[in-house]
Amino acid sequence: MAYIITYDLLAPGQDYDKLIEKIKEFSGEKITESAWVVKTTLKASELFDSLIPFLDSNDRLFVSQLTAEAKWRTNVIGKSDTLKTLFK
């Protein structure tokens, strides 16, 4: 299933490299500065729980399943061809 992950990292000076590394473990693409589309067999709650350890208590995280229909401009950060495969 395809999911969108969005986050707001609110603690200045923190190292969030481990969060990004964790997100990259899933098949997916970064679409904006703080949003990714990933494909995984996990449930949304399981995906969410796997990311929480890498956030500070005041950071924000949103995870939601995506449908097969999506539309975007060509200027997303990720590759459009790769994004298309995530919705199959």
N, C-alpha and C. Protein backbone atom coordinates (compact mmCIF):
# COMPACT_ATOMS: atom_id res chain seq x y z
N MET A 1 0.83 -1.18 0.00
CA MET A 1 0.00 0.00 0.00
C MET A 1 0.88 1.25 0.00
N ALA A 2 0.37 2.29 -0.59
CA ALA A 2 1.09 3.56 -0.63
C ALA A 2 0.61 4.45 0.52
N TYR A 3 1.56 5.15 1.11
CA TYR A 3 1.28 6.06 2.22
C TYR A 3 1.96 7.39 1.99
N ILE A 4 1.40 8.43 2.56
CA ILE A 4 2.08 9.71 2.61
C ILE A 4 2.55 9.92 4.04
N ILE A 5 3.78 10.37 4.16
CA ILE A 5 4.37 10.73 5.45
C ILE A 5 4.70 12.21 5.37
N THR A 6 4.18 12.98 6.29
CA THR A 6 4.55 14.39 6.39
C THR A 6 4.97 14.67 7.82
N TYR A 7 5.88 15.64 7.96
CA TYR A 7 6.38 15.95 9.30
C TYR A 7 6.79 17.41 9.38
N ASP A 8 6.75 17.93 10.60
CA ASP A 8 7.31 19.23 10.94
C ASP A 8 8.33 18.96 12.04
N LEU A 9 9.57 19.28 11.77
CA LEU A 9 10.65 19.07 12.73
C LEU A 9 10.92 20.41 13.41
N LEU A 10 10.50 20.53 14.65
CA LEU A 10 10.43 21.83 15.31
C LEU A 10 11.60 22.16 16.22
N ALA A 11 12.45 21.22 16.54
CA ALA A 11 13.56 21.48 17.44
C ALA A 11 14.78 21.93 16.63
N PRO A 12 15.15 23.20 16.72
CA PRO A 12 16.30 23.68 15.95
C PRO A 12 17.59 23.02 16.40
N GLY A 13 18.47 22.78 15.46
CA GLY A 13 19.77 22.21 15.77
C GLY A 13 19.78 20.72 16.02
N GLN A 14 18.65 20.05 15.85
CA GLN A 14 18.59 18.61 16.06
C GLN A 14 19.05 17.87 14.80
N ASP A 15 19.53 16.67 15.00
CA ASP A 15 19.99 15.83 13.89
C ASP A 15 18.88 14.85 13.54
N TYR A 16 18.25 15.05 12.40
CA TYR A 16 17.16 14.19 11.96
C TYR A 16 17.58 13.21 10.88
N ASP A 17 18.89 13.01 10.72
CA ASP A 17 19.37 12.10 9.69
C ASP A 17 18.82 10.68 9.87
N LYS A 18 18.69 10.24 11.12
CA LYS A 18 18.20 8.88 11.38
C LYS A 18 16.74 8.74 10.96
N LEU A 19 15.94 9.79 11.11
CA LEU A 19 14.55 9.77 10.63
C LEU A 19 14.53 9.59 9.12
N ILE A 20 15.32 10.35 8.42
CA ILE A 20 15.37 10.27 6.96
C ILE A 20 15.87 8.88 6.52
N GLU A 21 16.88 8.36 7.20
CA GLU A 21 17.38 7.02 6.90
C GLU A 21 16.28 5.98 7.07
N LYS A 22 15.49 6.11 8.14
CA LYS A 22 14.40 5.17 8.39
C LYS A 22 13.36 5.25 7.29
N ILE A 23 12.98 6.45 6.90
CA ILE A 23 12.00 6.62 5.82
C ILE A 23 12.52 6.01 4.52
N LYS A 24 13.80 6.18 4.25
CA LYS A 24 14.40 5.65 3.03
C LYS A 24 14.42 4.12 3.00
N GLU A 25 14.26 3.48 4.17
CA GLU A 25 14.20 2.01 4.19
C GLU A 25 12.97 1.49 3.46
N PHE A 26 11.94 2.33 3.36
CA PHE A 26 10.73 1.96 2.65
C PHE A 26 10.90 2.36 1.19
N SER A 27 10.24 1.66 0.31
CA SER A 27 10.29 1.98 -1.10
C SER A 27 9.50 3.27 -1.31
N GLY A 28 10.14 4.32 -1.78
CA GLY A 28 9.40 5.56 -1.92
C GLY A 28 10.20 6.71 -2.47
N GLU A 29 9.56 7.88 -2.45
CA GLU A 29 10.16 9.10 -2.99
C GLU A 29 9.81 10.28 -2.11
N LYS A 30 10.78 11.18 -1.95
CA LYS A 30 10.53 12.45 -1.29
C LYS A 30 9.81 13.34 -2.29
N ILE A 31 8.69 13.97 -1.87
CA ILE A 31 7.92 14.78 -2.82
C ILE A 31 8.00 16.27 -2.51
N THR A 32 8.20 16.64 -1.26
CA THR A 32 8.46 18.03 -0.87
C THR A 32 9.49 18.00 0.24
N GLU A 33 9.83 19.14 0.78
CA GLU A 33 10.87 19.20 1.81
C GLU A 33 10.54 18.35 3.04
N SER A 34 9.27 18.16 3.34
CA SER A 34 8.92 17.38 4.53
C SER A 34 7.80 16.38 4.26
N ALA A 35 7.76 15.85 3.05
CA ALA A 35 6.74 14.85 2.71
C ALA A 35 7.33 13.79 1.80
N TRP A 36 6.93 12.55 2.07
CA TRP A 36 7.37 11.39 1.31
C TRP A 36 6.17 10.55 0.93
N VAL A 37 6.25 9.85 -0.18
CA VAL A 37 5.30 8.81 -0.53
C VAL A 37 6.10 7.51 -0.48
N VAL A 38 5.60 6.54 0.29
CA VAL A 38 6.30 5.27 0.44
C VAL A 38 5.34 4.12 0.19
N LYS A 39 5.89 2.98 -0.12
CA LYS A 39 5.10 1.77 -0.30
C LYS A 39 5.60 0.73 0.69
N THR A 40 4.67 0.14 1.44
CA THR A 40 5.02 -0.85 2.45
C THR A 40 3.83 -1.75 2.72
N THR A 41 4.10 -2.89 3.29
CA THR A 41 3.02 -3.80 3.70
C THR A 41 2.54 -3.47 5.12
N LEU A 42 3.22 -2.56 5.79
CA LEU A 42 2.80 -2.17 7.13
C LEU A 42 1.48 -1.43 7.11
N LYS A 43 0.76 -1.44 8.23
CA LYS A 43 -0.42 -0.60 8.41
C LYS A 43 0.06 0.81 8.73
N ALA A 44 -0.81 1.79 8.55
CA ALA A 44 -0.45 3.18 8.84
C ALA A 44 0.05 3.34 10.27
N SER A 45 -0.63 2.69 11.21
CA SER A 45 -0.23 2.81 12.62
C SER A 45 1.15 2.20 12.85
N GLU A 46 1.47 1.12 12.16
CA GLU A 46 2.78 0.49 12.30
C GLU A 46 3.88 1.35 11.68
N LEU A 47 3.59 1.94 10.54
CA LEU A 47 4.53 2.85 9.90
C LEU A 47 4.79 4.05 10.81
N PHE A 48 3.72 4.64 11.32
CA PHE A 48 3.81 5.76 12.25
C PHE A 48 4.69 5.38 13.45
N ASP A 49 4.39 4.26 14.07
CA ASP A 49 5.13 3.82 15.26
C ASP A 49 6.61 3.58 14.96
N SER A 50 6.93 3.18 13.75
CA SER A 50 8.33 2.93 13.41
C SER A 50 9.13 4.23 13.27
N LEU A 51 8.44 5.35 13.06
CA LEU A 51 9.12 6.64 12.87
C LEU A 51 9.21 7.46 14.15
N ILE A 52 8.29 7.25 15.08
CA ILE A 52 8.23 8.04 16.31
C ILE A 52 9.55 8.07 17.09
N PRO A 53 10.29 6.97 17.20
CA PRO A 53 11.53 7.02 17.98
C PRO A 53 12.57 8.03 17.47
N PHE A 54 12.42 8.49 16.24
CA PHE A 54 13.39 9.39 15.64
C PHE A 54 12.98 10.87 15.73
N LEU A 55 11.88 11.14 16.43
CA LEU A 55 11.35 12.50 16.56
C LEU A 55 11.45 12.99 18.00
N ASP A 56 11.50 14.31 18.15
CA ASP A 56 11.40 14.92 19.47
C ASP A 56 9.93 15.03 19.85
N SER A 57 9.65 15.22 21.11
CA SER A 57 8.26 15.22 21.60
C SER A 57 7.42 16.36 21.01
N ASN A 58 8.04 17.44 20.56
CA ASN A 58 7.27 18.55 20.01
C ASN A 58 7.17 18.52 18.48
N ASP A 59 7.78 17.53 17.83
CA ASP A 59 7.69 17.41 16.37
C ASP A 59 6.31 16.88 15.97
N ARG A 60 5.94 17.13 14.72
CA ARG A 60 4.66 16.66 14.20
C ARG A 60 4.88 15.58 13.16
N LEU A 61 3.97 14.61 13.14
CA LEU A 61 4.06 13.50 12.17
C LEU A 61 2.65 13.12 11.73
N PHE A 62 2.48 12.94 10.42
CA PHE A 62 1.20 12.51 9.85
C PHE A 62 1.49 11.39 8.87
N VAL A 63 0.76 10.28 9.01
CA VAL A 63 0.88 9.13 8.10
C VAL A 63 -0.52 8.74 7.67
N SER A 64 -0.73 8.61 6.35
CA SER A 64 -2.04 8.23 5.86
C SER A 64 -1.89 7.38 4.60
N GLN A 65 -2.79 6.40 4.47
CA GLN A 65 -2.82 5.57 3.27
C GLN A 65 -3.32 6.41 2.09
N LEU A 66 -2.73 6.18 0.93
CA LEU A 66 -3.12 6.88 -0.29
C LEU A 66 -3.94 5.96 -1.18
N THR A 67 -4.80 6.54 -1.96
CA THR A 67 -5.57 5.78 -2.94
C THR A 67 -4.77 5.65 -4.22
N ALA A 68 -5.32 4.97 -5.19
CA ALA A 68 -4.63 4.78 -6.47
C ALA A 68 -4.66 6.04 -7.33
N GLU A 69 -5.43 7.03 -6.94
CA GLU A 69 -5.50 8.25 -7.75
C GLU A 69 -4.66 9.34 -7.11
N ALA A 70 -3.81 9.98 -7.91
CA ALA A 70 -2.97 11.07 -7.42
C ALA A 70 -2.62 11.98 -8.58
N LYS A 71 -2.32 13.21 -8.27
CA LYS A 71 -1.95 14.19 -9.29
C LYS A 71 -0.89 15.10 -8.69
N TRP A 72 0.11 15.47 -9.47
CA TRP A 72 1.15 16.37 -9.00
C TRP A 72 1.75 17.12 -10.16
N ARG A 73 2.39 18.23 -9.80
CA ARG A 73 3.13 18.98 -10.81
C ARG A 73 4.47 18.32 -11.02
N THR A 74 5.07 18.60 -12.13
CA THR A 74 6.35 17.96 -12.46
C THR A 74 7.50 18.45 -11.59
N ASN A 75 7.26 19.45 -10.77
CA ASN A 75 8.36 19.98 -9.96
C ASN A 75 8.43 19.39 -8.57
N VAL A 76 7.85 18.20 -8.35
CA VAL A 76 8.04 17.52 -7.08
C VAL A 76 9.51 17.10 -6.99
N ILE A 77 9.99 16.92 -5.77
CA ILE A 77 11.39 16.56 -5.58
C ILE A 77 11.69 15.18 -6.14
N GLY A 78 10.79 14.23 -5.92
CA GLY A 78 11.00 12.86 -6.39
C GLY A 78 10.82 12.72 -7.89
N LYS A 79 11.14 11.54 -8.40
CA LYS A 79 10.99 11.26 -9.82
C LYS A 79 9.55 10.87 -10.11
N SER A 80 8.92 11.51 -11.07
CA SER A 80 7.52 11.23 -11.41
C SER A 80 7.31 9.78 -11.80
N ASP A 81 8.23 9.20 -12.55
CA ASP A 81 8.06 7.80 -12.96
C ASP A 81 8.06 6.86 -11.75
N THR A 82 8.91 7.14 -10.78
CA THR A 82 8.95 6.33 -9.57
C THR A 82 7.68 6.52 -8.77
N LEU A 83 7.21 7.73 -8.66
CA LEU A 83 5.96 8.00 -7.93
C LEU A 83 4.80 7.22 -8.53
N LYS A 84 4.73 7.18 -9.84
CA LYS A 84 3.63 6.46 -10.49
C LYS A 84 3.61 4.98 -10.09
N THR A 85 4.78 4.37 -9.92
CA THR A 85 4.82 2.96 -9.56
C THR A 85 4.34 2.71 -8.14
N LEU A 86 4.40 3.72 -7.28
CA LEU A 86 3.97 3.54 -5.89
C LEU A 86 2.47 3.44 -5.76
N PHE A 87 1.74 3.89 -6.76
CA PHE A 87 0.27 3.87 -6.71
C PHE A 87 -0.32 2.65 -7.40
N LYS A 88 0.50 1.70 -7.79
CA LYS A 88 0.00 0.49 -8.45
C LYS A 88 -0.24 -0.59 -7.44
